[in-house]
Amino acid sequence: MSDFDKAIEFAQECVSKTPVVLLGSGASAAHGIPGMWPLGAHIKENPPKGMSPEDAQGWNQFSESLDQLDLESALTKTRLSEHLTDHIVHSTRSFLFPHDHDVFLRAISERESLPLSRLYHFLFQSTHQTIHVVTPNYDRIAEYASDLAGYSYFTGFEYGYINRRARDENMRVHQAGRAVRTVCIWKVHGSFDWFKDRDDQVFFFPNCWETPEGYTPVMITPGVDKFRRGYQEPFRTIIGAADSAIDAARSYLCIGFGFNDEHLQTKLVERCRGNNTPTVIITKELTDTAKDFLFKGKCRQFLAMEECEGGTMIYTHFVPDGFHLPDQSLWQLDKFLDVTIGA
């Protein structure tokens, strides 16, 4: 059996175990959602108005950092005030949300299932009533894919147009006395449609283009502030649910995930190192932290695919130096699914 055949066999085995799916920014970029560099440029070009002298000083330091660093590194280097952090949250939403809405419009006009929908269909060809998606992304691509596939989804909120947080994190839609198949989407950094009122009550408003008056978006930006806000609700509960899913998983499928988020990777590394949990990573480019995770003994069973000139570079635990697959883009989800689950 060739190394390629062994790699595909490993991928098929991993997917057949109904993996927890980890979606990173690369999964969103595939649908036209901008990444950190264009977002950083937008934020820099749109400073807040009426800054205090202290805020002006902090903003200047932050802007200077953006000249040499990506957004997350710049936010990690500079500690900004609550006012400036809230401005960055608003600016992030206003810049990224229209791109998310474009994905929605394409989905309903073209009526073509997203590649993620196809994955959901396959994973539900089993006795499983629930599959878990964990993501730091704010966009709703995972939700759109669930709708297109015909499955219910749950993000920790009640159902409807004006939704409060669900009291039970295992809340499901029931039909004929049975819970319907549900994609649980654990959004550990928030979502475009989560908002907080002046009393710090968090709501889910699925149809808001603009932030409602008297509300602020519930989104954690990169940098040092995400650790502080991560201990607040609803993030504390959401991260706990994500950790539980990761802890119980029999395998992991990481799509465009760079392993740069300590909210997620600590539990993942612990499981892969201690429990030998099989892991598949498909991404346009493996980050340095992903390579550290794979090639320094933190993951005992893995398959990783990234883009390279003329095809795909494939790394596995049995060929850690990797091998080149010409003329195929298996690092893309749709192409990966072609060779692992077929039609």
C-alpha atoms as a PDB file:
ATOM      1  CA  MET A   1       0.000   0.000   0.000  1.00  0.00           C
ATOM      2  CA  SER A   2       1.381   3.416  -0.959  1.00  0.00           C
ATOM      3  CA  ASP A   3       1.886   6.256   1.519  1.00  0.00           C
ATOM      4  CA  PHE A   4      -0.995   8.094  -0.155  1.00  0.00           C
ATOM      5  CA  ASP A   5      -3.335   5.113   0.212  1.00  0.00           C
ATOM      6  CA  LYS A   6      -2.368   4.793   3.882  1.00  0.00           C
ATOM      7  CA  ALA A   7      -3.017   8.505   4.396  1.00  0.00           C
ATOM      8  CA  ILE A   8      -6.487   8.332   2.822  1.00  0.00           C
ATOM      9  CA  GLU A   9      -7.308   5.208   4.821  1.00  0.00           C
ATOM     10  CA  PHE A  10      -6.327   7.062   7.998  1.00  0.00           C
ATOM     11  CA  ALA A  11      -8.469  10.064   6.976  1.00  0.00           C
ATOM     12  CA  GLN A  12     -11.459   7.813   6.275  1.00  0.00           C
ATOM     13  CA  GLU A  13     -11.054   6.118   9.637  1.00  0.00           C
ATOM     14  CA  CYS A  14     -10.863   9.489  11.391  1.00  0.00           C
ATOM     15  CA  VAL A  15     -14.000  10.820   9.676  1.00  0.00           C
ATOM     16  CA  SER A  16     -15.904   7.568  10.292  1.00  0.00           C
ATOM     17  CA  LYS A  17     -15.452   8.084  14.050  1.00  0.00           C
ATOM     18  CA  THR A  18     -17.719  11.191  13.853  1.00  0.00           C
ATOM     19  CA  PRO A  19     -14.997  13.685  14.775  1.00  0.00           C
ATOM     20  CA  VAL A  20     -15.369  16.958  16.571  1.00  0.00           C
ATOM     21  CA  VAL A  21     -14.905  19.511  13.792  1.00  0.00           C
ATOM     22  CA  LEU A  22     -12.670  22.502  14.541  1.00  0.00           C
ATOM     23  CA  LEU A  23     -13.186  25.397  12.152  1.00  0.00           C
ATOM     24  CA  GLY A  24     -10.503  28.074  11.978  1.00  0.00           C
ATOM     25  CA  SER A  25     -10.207  31.313  10.056  1.00  0.00           C
ATOM     26  CA  GLY A  26      -8.966  29.415   7.017  1.00  0.00           C
ATOM     27  CA  ALA A  27     -12.362  27.741   6.720  1.00  0.00           C
ATOM     28  CA  SER A  28     -13.973  31.186   6.538  1.00  0.00           C
ATOM     29  CA  ALA A  29     -11.359  32.555   4.121  1.00  0.00           C
ATOM     30  CA  ALA A  30     -12.375  29.865   1.640  1.00  0.00           C
ATOM     31  CA  HIS A  31     -15.774  31.617   1.441  1.00  0.00           C
ATOM     32  CA  GLY A  32     -14.377  35.130   1.088  1.00  0.00           C
ATOM     33  CA  ILE A  33     -14.278  36.228   4.736  1.00  0.00           C
ATOM     34  CA  PRO A  34     -11.196  38.493   5.122  1.00  0.00           C
ATOM     35  CA  GLY A  35      -8.390  37.488   7.452  1.00  0.00           C
ATOM     36  CA  MET A  36      -6.333  39.314  10.053  1.00  0.00           C
ATOM     37  CA  TRP A  37      -4.268  41.551   7.740  1.00  0.00           C
ATOM     38  CA  PRO A  38      -7.166  43.272   5.907  1.00  0.00           C
ATOM     39  CA  LEU A  39      -9.109  43.478   9.166  1.00  0.00           C
ATOM     40  CA  GLY A  40      -6.132  45.131  10.866  1.00  0.00           C
ATOM     41  CA  ALA A  41      -5.826  47.633   8.021  1.00  0.00           C
ATOM     42  CA  HIS A  42      -9.515  48.506   8.302  1.00  0.00           C
ATOM     43  CA  ILE A  43      -9.299  49.042  12.050  1.00  0.00           C
ATOM     44  CA  LYS A  44      -6.216  51.221  11.719  1.00  0.00           C
ATOM     45  CA  GLU A  45      -7.913  53.397   9.082  1.00  0.00           C
ATOM     46  CA  ASN A  46     -10.975  53.924  11.281  1.00  0.00           C
ATOM     47  CA  PRO A  47      -9.848  55.210  14.702  1.00  0.00           C
ATOM     48  CA  PRO A  48     -12.451  56.128  17.329  1.00  0.00           C
ATOM     49  CA  LYS A  49     -13.580  59.733  17.668  1.00  0.00           C
ATOM     50  CA  GLY A  50     -13.219  61.861  20.767  1.00  0.00           C
ATOM     51  CA  MET A  51     -10.432  59.903  22.430  1.00  0.00           C
ATOM     52  CA  SER A  52      -9.026  60.923  25.792  1.00  0.00           C
ATOM     53  CA  PRO A  53      -5.290  61.697  25.902  1.00  0.00           C
ATOM     54  CA  GLU A  54      -4.649  58.282  27.465  1.00  0.00           C
ATOM     55  CA  ASP A  55      -6.683  56.496  24.782  1.00  0.00           C
ATOM     56  CA  ALA A  56      -5.002  58.509  22.031  1.00  0.00           C
ATOM     57  CA  GLN A  57      -1.608  57.409  23.314  1.00  0.00           C
ATOM     58  CA  GLY A  58      -2.710  53.772  23.456  1.00  0.00           C
ATOM     59  CA  TRP A  59      -4.214  53.940  19.972  1.00  0.00           C
ATOM     60  CA  ASN A  60      -1.028  55.426  18.513  1.00  0.00           C
ATOM     61  CA  GLN A  61       1.037  52.626  20.034  1.00  0.00           C
ATOM     62  CA  PHE A  62      -1.410  50.071  18.645  1.00  0.00           C
ATOM     63  CA  SER A  63      -1.362  51.685  15.166  1.00  0.00           C
ATOM     64  CA  GLU A  64       2.429  51.699  15.096  1.00  0.00           C
ATOM     65  CA  SER A  65       2.466  48.005  16.019  1.00  0.00           C
ATOM     66  CA  LEU A  66       0.119  47.263  13.112  1.00  0.00           C
ATOM     67  CA  ASP A  67       2.767  48.560  10.716  1.00  0.00           C
ATOM     68  CA  GLN A  68       4.971  45.567  11.524  1.00  0.00           C
ATOM     69  CA  LEU A  69       2.642  42.988  13.124  1.00  0.00           C
ATOM     70  CA  ASP A  70      -0.600  41.189  12.390  1.00  0.00           C
ATOM     71  CA  LEU A  71      -3.700  42.224  14.313  1.00  0.00           C
ATOM     72  CA  GLU A  72      -3.470  39.568  17.022  1.00  0.00           C
ATOM     73  CA  SER A  73       0.194  40.272  17.699  1.00  0.00           C
ATOM     74  CA  ALA A  74      -0.451  44.027  17.826  1.00  0.00           C
ATOM     75  CA  LEU A  75      -3.342  43.571  20.269  1.00  0.00           C
ATOM     76  CA  THR A  76      -1.231  41.245  22.399  1.00  0.00           C
ATOM     77  CA  LYS A  77       1.596  43.786  22.528  1.00  0.00           C
ATOM     78  CA  THR A  78      -0.631  46.752  23.453  1.00  0.00           C
ATOM     79  CA  ARG A  79      -3.081  46.754  26.359  1.00  0.00           C
ATOM     80  CA  LEU A  80      -6.025  48.922  25.304  1.00  0.00           C
ATOM     81  CA  SER A  81      -8.744  50.468  27.441  1.00  0.00           C
ATOM     82  CA  GLU A  82     -12.271  49.067  27.580  1.00  0.00           C
ATOM     83  CA  HIS A  83     -13.437  51.935  25.362  1.00  0.00           C
ATOM     84  CA  LEU A  84     -10.864  51.180  22.661  1.00  0.00           C
ATOM     85  CA  THR A  85     -11.519  47.443  22.868  1.00  0.00           C
ATOM     86  CA  ASP A  86     -15.254  48.037  22.364  1.00  0.00           C
ATOM     87  CA  HIS A  87     -14.461  50.237  19.362  1.00  0.00           C
ATOM     88  CA  ILE A  88     -12.378  47.433  17.828  1.00  0.00           C
ATOM     89  CA  VAL A  89     -15.235  44.972  18.397  1.00  0.00           C
ATOM     90  CA  HIS A  90     -17.695  47.295  16.618  1.00  0.00           C
ATOM     91  CA  SER A  91     -15.206  47.944  13.812  1.00  0.00           C
ATOM     92  CA  THR A  92     -14.518  44.224  13.401  1.00  0.00           C
ATOM     93  CA  ARG A  93     -18.208  43.432  13.086  1.00  0.00           C
ATOM     94  CA  SER A  94     -18.940  46.268  10.654  1.00  0.00           C
ATOM     95  CA  PHE A  95     -16.056  45.184   8.399  1.00  0.00           C
ATOM     96  CA  LEU A  96     -16.618  41.415   8.402  1.00  0.00           C
ATOM     97  CA  PHE A  97     -20.404  41.151   8.611  1.00  0.00           C
ATOM     98  CA  PRO A  98     -21.132  42.165   4.973  1.00  0.00           C
ATOM     99  CA  HIS A  99     -18.867  39.358   3.760  1.00  0.00           C
ATOM    100  CA  ASP A 100     -20.756  36.897   5.938  1.00  0.00           C
ATOM    101  CA  HIS A 101     -24.028  38.219   4.502  1.00  0.00           C
ATOM    102  CA  ASP A 102     -22.676  37.645   0.991  1.00  0.00           C
ATOM    103  CA  VAL A 103     -22.153  33.967   1.868  1.00  0.00           C
ATOM    104  CA  PHE A 104     -25.775  33.827   3.038  1.00  0.00           C
ATOM    105  CA  LEU A 105     -27.079  35.445  -0.162  1.00  0.00           C
ATOM    106  CA  ARG A 106     -25.076  33.059  -2.346  1.00  0.00           C
ATOM    107  CA  ALA A 107     -26.352  30.119  -0.339  1.00  0.00           C
ATOM    108  CA  ILE A 108     -30.020  31.009  -0.770  1.00  0.00           C
ATOM    109  CA  SER A 109     -29.761  32.155  -4.401  1.00  0.00           C
ATOM    110  CA  GLU A 110     -27.604  29.355  -5.758  1.00  0.00           C
ATOM    111  CA  ARG A 111     -29.152  26.705  -3.502  1.00  0.00           C
ATOM    112  CA  GLU A 112     -25.887  24.826  -3.465  1.00  0.00           C
ATOM    113  CA  SER A 113     -24.896  23.064  -0.300  1.00  0.00           C
ATOM    114  CA  LEU A 114     -21.667  24.236   1.263  1.00  0.00           C
ATOM    115  CA  PRO A 115     -18.912  21.618   1.542  1.00  0.00           C
ATOM    116  CA  LEU A 116     -19.568  21.641   5.282  1.00  0.00           C
ATOM    117  CA  SER A 117     -23.191  20.624   4.588  1.00  0.00           C
ATOM    118  CA  ARG A 118     -21.896  17.589   2.747  1.00  0.00           C
ATOM    119  CA  LEU A 119     -19.757  16.690   5.740  1.00  0.00           C
ATOM    120  CA  TYR A 120     -22.749  17.026   8.079  1.00  0.00           C
ATOM    121  CA  HIS A 121     -24.775  14.674   5.863  1.00  0.00           C
ATOM    122  CA  PHE A 122     -22.071  12.040   6.057  1.00  0.00           C
ATOM    123  CA  LEU A 123     -21.574  12.339   9.807  1.00  0.00           C
ATOM    124  CA  PHE A 124     -25.298  11.887  10.404  1.00  0.00           C
ATOM    125  CA  GLN A 125     -25.337   8.636   8.421  1.00  0.00           C
ATOM    126  CA  SER A 126     -24.979   6.960  11.786  1.00  0.00           C
ATOM    127  CA  THR A 127     -26.799   6.573  15.074  1.00  0.00           C
ATOM    128  CA  HIS A 128     -25.453   9.919  16.279  1.00  0.00           C
ATOM    129  CA  GLN A 129     -28.095  12.524  17.052  1.00  0.00           C
ATOM    130  CA  THR A 130     -25.552  15.275  17.727  1.00  0.00           C
ATOM    131  CA  ILE A 131     -22.330  16.386  16.109  1.00  0.00           C
ATOM    132  CA  HIS A 132     -20.069  19.074  17.524  1.00  0.00           C
ATOM    133  CA  VAL A 133     -18.384  21.983  15.768  1.00  0.00           C
ATOM    134  CA  VAL A 134     -15.962  24.162  17.742  1.00  0.00           C
ATOM    135  CA  THR A 135     -14.845  27.464  16.275  1.00  0.00           C
ATOM    136  CA  PRO A 136     -13.326  30.837  17.179  1.00  0.00           C
ATOM    137  CA  ASN A 137     -14.942  32.346  14.053  1.00  0.00           C
ATOM    138  CA  TYR A 138     -17.667  34.994  14.344  1.00  0.00           C
ATOM    139  CA  ASP A 139     -19.336  34.209  11.013  1.00  0.00           C
ATOM    140  CA  ARG A 140     -22.351  31.943  10.544  1.00  0.00           C
ATOM    141  CA  ILE A 141     -20.985  29.577   7.879  1.00  0.00           C
ATOM    142  CA  ALA A 142     -21.360  26.557  10.174  1.00  0.00           C
ATOM    143  CA  GLU A 143     -24.986  27.568  10.792  1.00  0.00           C
ATOM    144  CA  TYR A 144     -25.743  28.180   7.109  1.00  0.00           C
ATOM    145  CA  ALA A 145     -24.304  24.761   6.288  1.00  0.00           C
ATOM    146  CA  SER A 146     -26.570  23.156   8.874  1.00  0.00           C
ATOM    147  CA  ASP A 147     -29.654  24.908   7.469  1.00  0.00           C
ATOM    148  CA  LEU A 148     -28.763  23.923   3.912  1.00  0.00           C
ATOM    149  CA  ALA A 149     -28.264  20.324   5.012  1.00  0.00           C
ATOM    150  CA  GLY A 150     -31.663  20.273   6.723  1.00  0.00           C
ATOM    151  CA  TYR A 151     -30.463  19.897  10.312  1.00  0.00           C
ATOM    152  CA  SER A 152     -31.185  21.889  13.435  1.00  0.00           C
ATOM    153  CA  TYR A 153     -28.308  23.771  15.017  1.00  0.00           C
ATOM    154  CA  PHE A 154     -27.709  24.944  18.566  1.00  0.00           C
ATOM    155  CA  THR A 155     -25.299  27.670  19.679  1.00  0.00           C
ATOM    156  CA  GLY A 156     -26.332  27.928  23.328  1.00  0.00           C
ATOM    157  CA  PHE A 157     -29.406  30.106  22.793  1.00  0.00           C
ATOM    158  CA  GLU A 158     -33.143  29.586  22.587  1.00  0.00           C
ATOM    159  CA  TYR A 159     -34.852  29.479  19.202  1.00  0.00           C
ATOM    160  CA  GLY A 160     -36.640  32.373  17.492  1.00  0.00           C
ATOM    161  CA  TYR A 161     -35.957  35.985  16.519  1.00  0.00           C
ATOM    162  CA  ILE A 162     -35.393  37.413  20.022  1.00  0.00           C
ATOM    163  CA  ASN A 163     -33.476  34.774  21.930  1.00  0.00           C
ATOM    164  CA  ARG A 164     -32.034  34.545  25.389  1.00  0.00           C
ATOM    165  CA  ARG A 165     -29.390  32.082  26.436  1.00  0.00           C
ATOM    166  CA  ALA A 166     -30.671  28.565  26.885  1.00  0.00           C
ATOM    167  CA  ARG A 167     -30.860  27.371  30.481  1.00  0.00           C
ATOM    168  CA  ASP A 168     -29.862  23.867  29.395  1.00  0.00           C
ATOM    169  CA  GLU A 169     -26.778  23.493  27.202  1.00  0.00           C
ATOM    170  CA  ASN A 170     -28.294  20.206  25.943  1.00  0.00           C
ATOM    171  CA  MET A 171     -31.455  21.942  24.698  1.00  0.00           C
ATOM    172  CA  ARG A 172     -32.712  20.450  21.406  1.00  0.00           C
ATOM    173  CA  VAL A 173     -35.666  20.813  19.050  1.00  0.00           C
ATOM    174  CA  HIS A 174     -38.062  17.893  19.402  1.00  0.00           C
ATOM    175  CA  GLN A 175     -40.290  16.412  16.728  1.00  0.00           C
ATOM    176  CA  ALA A 176     -42.799  13.631  17.352  1.00  0.00           C
ATOM    177  CA  GLY A 177     -41.383  13.273  20.831  1.00  0.00           C
ATOM    178  CA  ARG A 178     -37.789  12.818  19.680  1.00  0.00           C
ATOM    179  CA  ALA A 179     -34.854  15.217  19.577  1.00  0.00           C
ATOM    180  CA  VAL A 180     -34.006  16.032  15.973  1.00  0.00           C
ATOM    181  CA  ARG A 181     -30.472  15.681  14.708  1.00  0.00           C
ATOM    182  CA  THR A 182     -28.574  18.748  15.798  1.00  0.00           C
ATOM    183  CA  VAL A 183     -25.263  20.398  14.983  1.00  0.00           C
ATOM    184  CA  CYS A 184     -23.937  21.944  18.199  1.00  0.00           C
ATOM    185  CA  ILE A 185     -21.804  24.920  17.212  1.00  0.00           C
ATOM    186  CA  TRP A 186     -19.650  26.160  20.080  1.00  0.00           C
ATOM    187  CA  LYS A 187     -18.490  29.679  19.151  1.00  0.00           C
ATOM    188  CA  VAL A 188     -15.858  30.356  21.770  1.00  0.00           C
ATOM    189  CA  HIS A 189     -15.184  33.966  20.665  1.00  0.00           C
ATOM    190  CA  GLY A 190     -18.774  34.994  20.014  1.00  0.00           C
ATOM    191  CA  SER A 191     -20.847  35.616  16.932  1.00  0.00           C
ATOM    192  CA  PHE A 192     -22.078  38.396  14.658  1.00  0.00           C
ATOM    193  CA  ASP A 193     -25.603  37.877  15.991  1.00  0.00           C
ATOM    194  CA  TRP A 194     -24.876  37.962  19.740  1.00  0.00           C
ATOM    195  CA  PHE A 195     -25.501  41.231  21.590  1.00  0.00           C
ATOM    196  CA  LYS A 196     -25.360  42.472  25.172  1.00  0.00           C
ATOM    197  CA  ASP A 197     -27.700  45.073  26.655  1.00  0.00           C
ATOM    198  CA  ARG A 198     -26.892  47.704  29.287  1.00  0.00           C
ATOM    199  CA  ASP A 199     -27.688  45.188  32.045  1.00  0.00           C
ATOM    200  CA  ASP A 200     -25.165  42.715  30.621  1.00  0.00           C
ATOM    201  CA  GLN A 201     -27.887  40.332  29.474  1.00  0.00           C
ATOM    202  CA  VAL A 202     -26.837  38.482  26.319  1.00  0.00           C
ATOM    203  CA  PHE A 203     -29.226  37.925  23.408  1.00  0.00           C
ATOM    204  CA  PHE A 204     -29.167  36.239  20.019  1.00  0.00           C
ATOM    205  CA  PHE A 205     -30.739  38.400  17.282  1.00  0.00           C
ATOM    206  CA  PRO A 206     -30.340  36.521  13.970  1.00  0.00           C
ATOM    207  CA  ASN A 207     -31.557  39.281  11.646  1.00  0.00           C
ATOM    208  CA  CYS A 208     -29.639  42.381  12.747  1.00  0.00           C
ATOM    209  CA  TRP A 209     -27.474  44.082  10.138  1.00  0.00           C
ATOM    210  CA  GLU A 210     -26.702  47.006  12.433  1.00  0.00           C
ATOM    211  CA  THR A 211     -26.017  46.733  16.164  1.00  0.00           C
ATOM    212  CA  PRO A 212     -29.318  47.580  17.930  1.00  0.00           C
ATOM    213  CA  GLU A 213     -29.388  50.823  19.907  1.00  0.00           C
ATOM    214  CA  GLY A 214     -28.419  50.216  23.536  1.00  0.00           C
ATOM    215  CA  TYR A 215     -26.577  46.976  22.708  1.00  0.00           C
ATOM    216  CA  THR A 216     -22.977  46.010  22.015  1.00  0.00           C
ATOM    217  CA  PRO A 217     -21.713  43.024  19.982  1.00  0.00           C
ATOM    218  CA  VAL A 218     -20.622  40.018  22.017  1.00  0.00           C
ATOM    219  CA  MET A 219     -17.328  39.151  20.361  1.00  0.00           C
ATOM    220  CA  ILE A 220     -13.868  38.528  21.779  1.00  0.00           C
ATOM    221  CA  THR A 221     -11.122  40.179  19.749  1.00  0.00           C
ATOM    222  CA  PRO A 222      -7.618  38.692  19.488  1.00  0.00           C
ATOM    223  CA  GLY A 223      -4.907  39.682  21.952  1.00  0.00           C
ATOM    224  CA  VAL A 224      -4.625  39.818  25.715  1.00  0.00           C
ATOM    225  CA  ASP A 225      -8.237  40.929  26.205  1.00  0.00           C
ATOM    226  CA  LYS A 226      -9.601  37.579  25.057  1.00  0.00           C
ATOM    227  CA  PHE A 227      -8.282  35.892  28.189  1.00  0.00           C
ATOM    228  CA  ARG A 228     -10.092  38.344  30.469  1.00  0.00           C
ATOM    229  CA  ARG A 229     -13.345  38.246  28.506  1.00  0.00           C
ATOM    230  CA  GLY A 230     -13.113  34.485  28.160  1.00  0.00           C
ATOM    231  CA  TYR A 231     -13.944  34.178  31.862  1.00  0.00           C
ATOM    232  CA  GLN A 232     -17.149  36.174  31.387  1.00  0.00           C
ATOM    233  CA  GLU A 233     -20.474  34.792  30.243  1.00  0.00           C
ATOM    234  CA  PRO A 234     -21.529  33.479  27.814  1.00  0.00           C
ATOM    235  CA  PHE A 235     -17.947  32.548  26.928  1.00  0.00           C
ATOM    236  CA  ARG A 236     -17.243  30.666  30.120  1.00  0.00           C
ATOM    237  CA  THR A 237     -20.180  28.315  29.474  1.00  0.00           C
ATOM    238  CA  ILE A 238     -19.467  28.019  25.744  1.00  0.00           C
ATOM    239  CA  ILE A 239     -15.795  27.194  26.307  1.00  0.00           C
ATOM    240  CA  GLY A 240     -16.826  24.627  28.912  1.00  0.00           C
ATOM    241  CA  ALA A 241     -19.158  22.965  26.389  1.00  0.00           C
ATOM    242  CA  ALA A 242     -16.421  23.012  23.748  1.00  0.00           C
ATOM    243  CA  ASP A 243     -13.952  21.448  26.188  1.00  0.00           C
ATOM    244  CA  SER A 244     -16.466  18.710  27.018  1.00  0.00           C
ATOM    245  CA  ALA A 245     -16.948  17.938  23.332  1.00  0.00           C
ATOM    246  CA  ILE A 246     -13.201  17.870  22.691  1.00  0.00           C
ATOM    247  CA  ASP A 247     -12.642  15.706  25.766  1.00  0.00           C
ATOM    248  CA  ALA A 248     -15.209  13.111  24.645  1.00  0.00           C
ATOM    249  CA  ALA A 249     -14.189  13.022  20.975  1.00  0.00           C
ATOM    250  CA  ARG A 250     -12.936   9.871  19.288  1.00  0.00           C
ATOM    251  CA  SER A 251     -11.221  11.898  16.548  1.00  0.00           C
ATOM    252  CA  TYR A 252     -10.716  15.473  15.319  1.00  0.00           C
ATOM    253  CA  LEU A 253     -11.086  17.110  11.933  1.00  0.00           C
ATOM    254  CA  CYS A 254      -9.441  20.550  11.840  1.00  0.00           C
ATOM    255  CA  ILE A 255     -10.364  22.750   8.872  1.00  0.00           C
ATOM    256  CA  GLY A 256      -8.322  25.914   8.360  1.00  0.00           C
ATOM    257  CA  PHE A 257      -7.396  25.851  12.043  1.00  0.00           C
ATOM    258  CA  GLY A 258      -4.019  27.346  12.932  1.00  0.00           C
ATOM    259  CA  PHE A 259      -3.616  26.151  16.566  1.00  0.00           C
ATOM    260  CA  ASN A 260      -3.044  29.723  17.706  1.00  0.00           C
ATOM    261  CA  ASP A 261      -5.826  29.824  20.259  1.00  0.00           C
ATOM    262  CA  GLU A 262      -5.128  28.735  23.811  1.00  0.00           C
ATOM    263  CA  HIS A 263      -8.867  28.647  24.532  1.00  0.00           C
ATOM    264  CA  LEU A 264      -9.039  25.574  22.296  1.00  0.00           C
ATOM    265  CA  GLN A 265      -5.675  23.959  21.793  1.00  0.00           C
ATOM    266  CA  THR A 266      -4.797  23.245  25.448  1.00  0.00           C
ATOM    267  CA  LYS A 267      -7.524  20.616  25.765  1.00  0.00           C
ATOM    268  CA  LEU A 268      -6.850  19.350  22.243  1.00  0.00           C
ATOM    269  CA  VAL A 269      -3.120  18.875  22.847  1.00  0.00           C
ATOM    270  CA  GLU A 270      -3.854  17.120  26.135  1.00  0.00           C
ATOM    271  CA  ARG A 271      -6.187  14.650  24.412  1.00  0.00           C
ATOM    272  CA  CYS A 272      -3.930  13.970  21.436  1.00  0.00           C
ATOM    273  CA  ARG A 273      -0.867  13.420  23.591  1.00  0.00           C
ATOM    274  CA  GLY A 274      -2.484  11.345  26.323  1.00  0.00           C
ATOM    275  CA  ASN A 275      -5.215   9.458  24.465  1.00  0.00           C
ATOM    276  CA  ASN A 276      -3.672   8.935  21.048  1.00  0.00           C
ATOM    277  CA  THR A 277      -6.725  10.531  19.435  1.00  0.00           C
ATOM    278  CA  PRO A 278      -6.461  10.545  15.610  1.00  0.00           C
ATOM    279  CA  THR A 279      -6.370  14.047  14.112  1.00  0.00           C
ATOM    280  CA  VAL A 280      -6.713  15.298  10.540  1.00  0.00           C
ATOM    281  CA  ILE A 281      -5.769  18.857   9.572  1.00  0.00           C
ATOM    282  CA  ILE A 282      -6.558  20.399   6.196  1.00  0.00           C
ATOM    283  CA  THR A 283      -5.467  23.991   5.621  1.00  0.00           C
ATOM    284  CA  LYS A 284      -3.977  26.296   3.012  1.00  0.00           C
ATOM    285  CA  GLU A 285      -0.807  26.697   5.090  1.00  0.00           C
ATOM    286  CA  LEU A 286       0.265  25.018   8.303  1.00  0.00           C
ATOM    287  CA  THR A 287       1.180  27.607  10.930  1.00  0.00           C
ATOM    288  CA  ASP A 288       4.321  27.328  13.027  1.00  0.00           C
ATOM    289  CA  THR A 289       2.212  26.384  16.059  1.00  0.00           C
ATOM    290  CA  ALA A 290       0.463  23.674  14.038  1.00  0.00           C
ATOM    291  CA  LYS A 291       3.845  22.279  12.996  1.00  0.00           C
ATOM    292  CA  ASP A 292       4.993  22.380  16.607  1.00  0.00           C
ATOM    293  CA  PHE A 293       1.864  20.448  17.590  1.00  0.00           C
ATOM    294  CA  LEU A 294       2.390  17.811  14.917  1.00  0.00           C
ATOM    295  CA  PHE A 295       6.134  17.334  14.742  1.00  0.00           C
ATOM    296  CA  LYS A 296       7.246  17.615  18.370  1.00  0.00           C
ATOM    297  CA  GLY A 297       5.410  14.657  19.798  1.00  0.00           C
ATOM    298  CA  LYS A 298       2.229  16.433  20.876  1.00  0.00           C
ATOM    299  CA  CYS A 299       0.089  14.420  18.459  1.00  0.00           C
ATOM    300  CA  ARG A 300       0.753  10.716  18.058  1.00  0.00           C
ATOM    301  CA  GLN A 301      -1.634   9.939  15.182  1.00  0.00           C
ATOM    302  CA  PHE A 302      -2.105  12.615  12.552  1.00  0.00           C
ATOM    303  CA  LEU A 303      -2.592  13.514   8.936  1.00  0.00           C
ATOM    304  CA  ALA A 304      -1.999  17.076   7.735  1.00  0.00           C
ATOM    305  CA  MET A 305      -2.494  18.513   4.263  1.00  0.00           C
ATOM    306  CA  GLU A 306      -1.433  21.957   3.063  1.00  0.00           C
ATOM    307  CA  GLU A 307      -1.103  23.716  -0.258  1.00  0.00           C
ATOM    308  CA  CYS A 308       2.210  23.567  -2.057  1.00  0.00           C
ATOM    309  CA  GLU A 309       3.289  24.545  -5.538  1.00  0.00           C
ATOM    310  CA  GLY A 310       1.610  22.242  -8.008  1.00  0.00           C
ATOM    311  CA  GLY A 311      -0.499  20.306  -5.533  1.00  0.00           C
ATOM    312  CA  THR A 312      -0.716  19.230  -1.903  1.00  0.00           C
ATOM    313  CA  MET A 313       1.913  18.433   0.704  1.00  0.00           C
ATOM    314  CA  ILE A 314       0.876  15.581   2.982  1.00  0.00           C
ATOM    315  CA  TYR A 315       2.371  14.808   6.401  1.00  0.00           C
ATOM    316  CA  THR A 316       1.499  11.841   8.588  1.00  0.00           C
ATOM    317  CA  HIS A 317       2.779  10.284  11.781  1.00  0.00           C
ATOM    318  CA  PHE A 318       4.275   7.491   9.651  1.00  0.00           C
ATOM    319  CA  VAL A 319       5.813   9.910   7.078  1.00  0.00           C
ATOM    320  CA  PRO A 320       6.536  12.998   9.216  1.00  0.00           C
ATOM    321  CA  ASP A 321       8.810  14.553   6.570  1.00  0.00           C
ATOM    322  CA  GLY A 322       5.875  14.527   4.208  1.00  0.00           C
ATOM    323  CA  PHE A 323       5.344  13.733   0.543  1.00  0.00           C
ATOM    324  CA  HIS A 324       4.076  15.705  -2.422  1.00  0.00           C
ATOM    325  CA  LEU A 325       0.821  14.922  -4.202  1.00  0.00           C
ATOM    326  CA  PRO A 326       0.869  16.711  -7.570  1.00  0.00           C
ATOM    327  CA  ASP A 327      -2.101  18.323  -9.333  1.00  0.00           C
ATOM    328  CA  GLN A 328      -4.595  17.876  -6.499  1.00  0.00           C
ATOM    329  CA  SER A 329      -5.848  20.328  -3.861  1.00  0.00           C
ATOM    330  CA  LEU A 330      -6.807  17.941  -1.080  1.00  0.00           C
ATOM    331  CA  TRP A 331      -6.227  20.710   1.480  1.00  0.00           C
ATOM    332  CA  GLN A 332      -9.551  22.157   0.328  1.00  0.00           C
ATOM    333  CA  LEU A 333     -12.576  20.684   2.109  1.00  0.00           C
ATOM    334  CA  ASP A 334     -14.567  19.777  -1.013  1.00  0.00           C
ATOM    335  CA  LYS A 335     -11.588  17.979  -2.578  1.00  0.00           C
ATOM    336  CA  PHE A 336     -10.772  16.282   0.717  1.00  0.00           C
ATOM    337  CA  LEU A 337     -14.334  14.993   0.950  1.00  0.00           C
ATOM    338  CA  ASP A 338     -14.141  13.676  -2.623  1.00  0.00           C
ATOM    339  CA  VAL A 339     -11.404  11.208  -1.644  1.00  0.00           C
ATOM    340  CA  THR A 340     -12.654  10.367   1.860  1.00  0.00           C
ATOM    341  CA  ILE A 341     -16.443  10.094   1.703  1.00  0.00           C
ATOM    342  CA  GLY A 342     -17.134  10.175  -2.057  1.00  0.00           C
ATOM    343  CA  ALA A 343     -20.407  11.556  -3.417  1.00  0.00           C
END
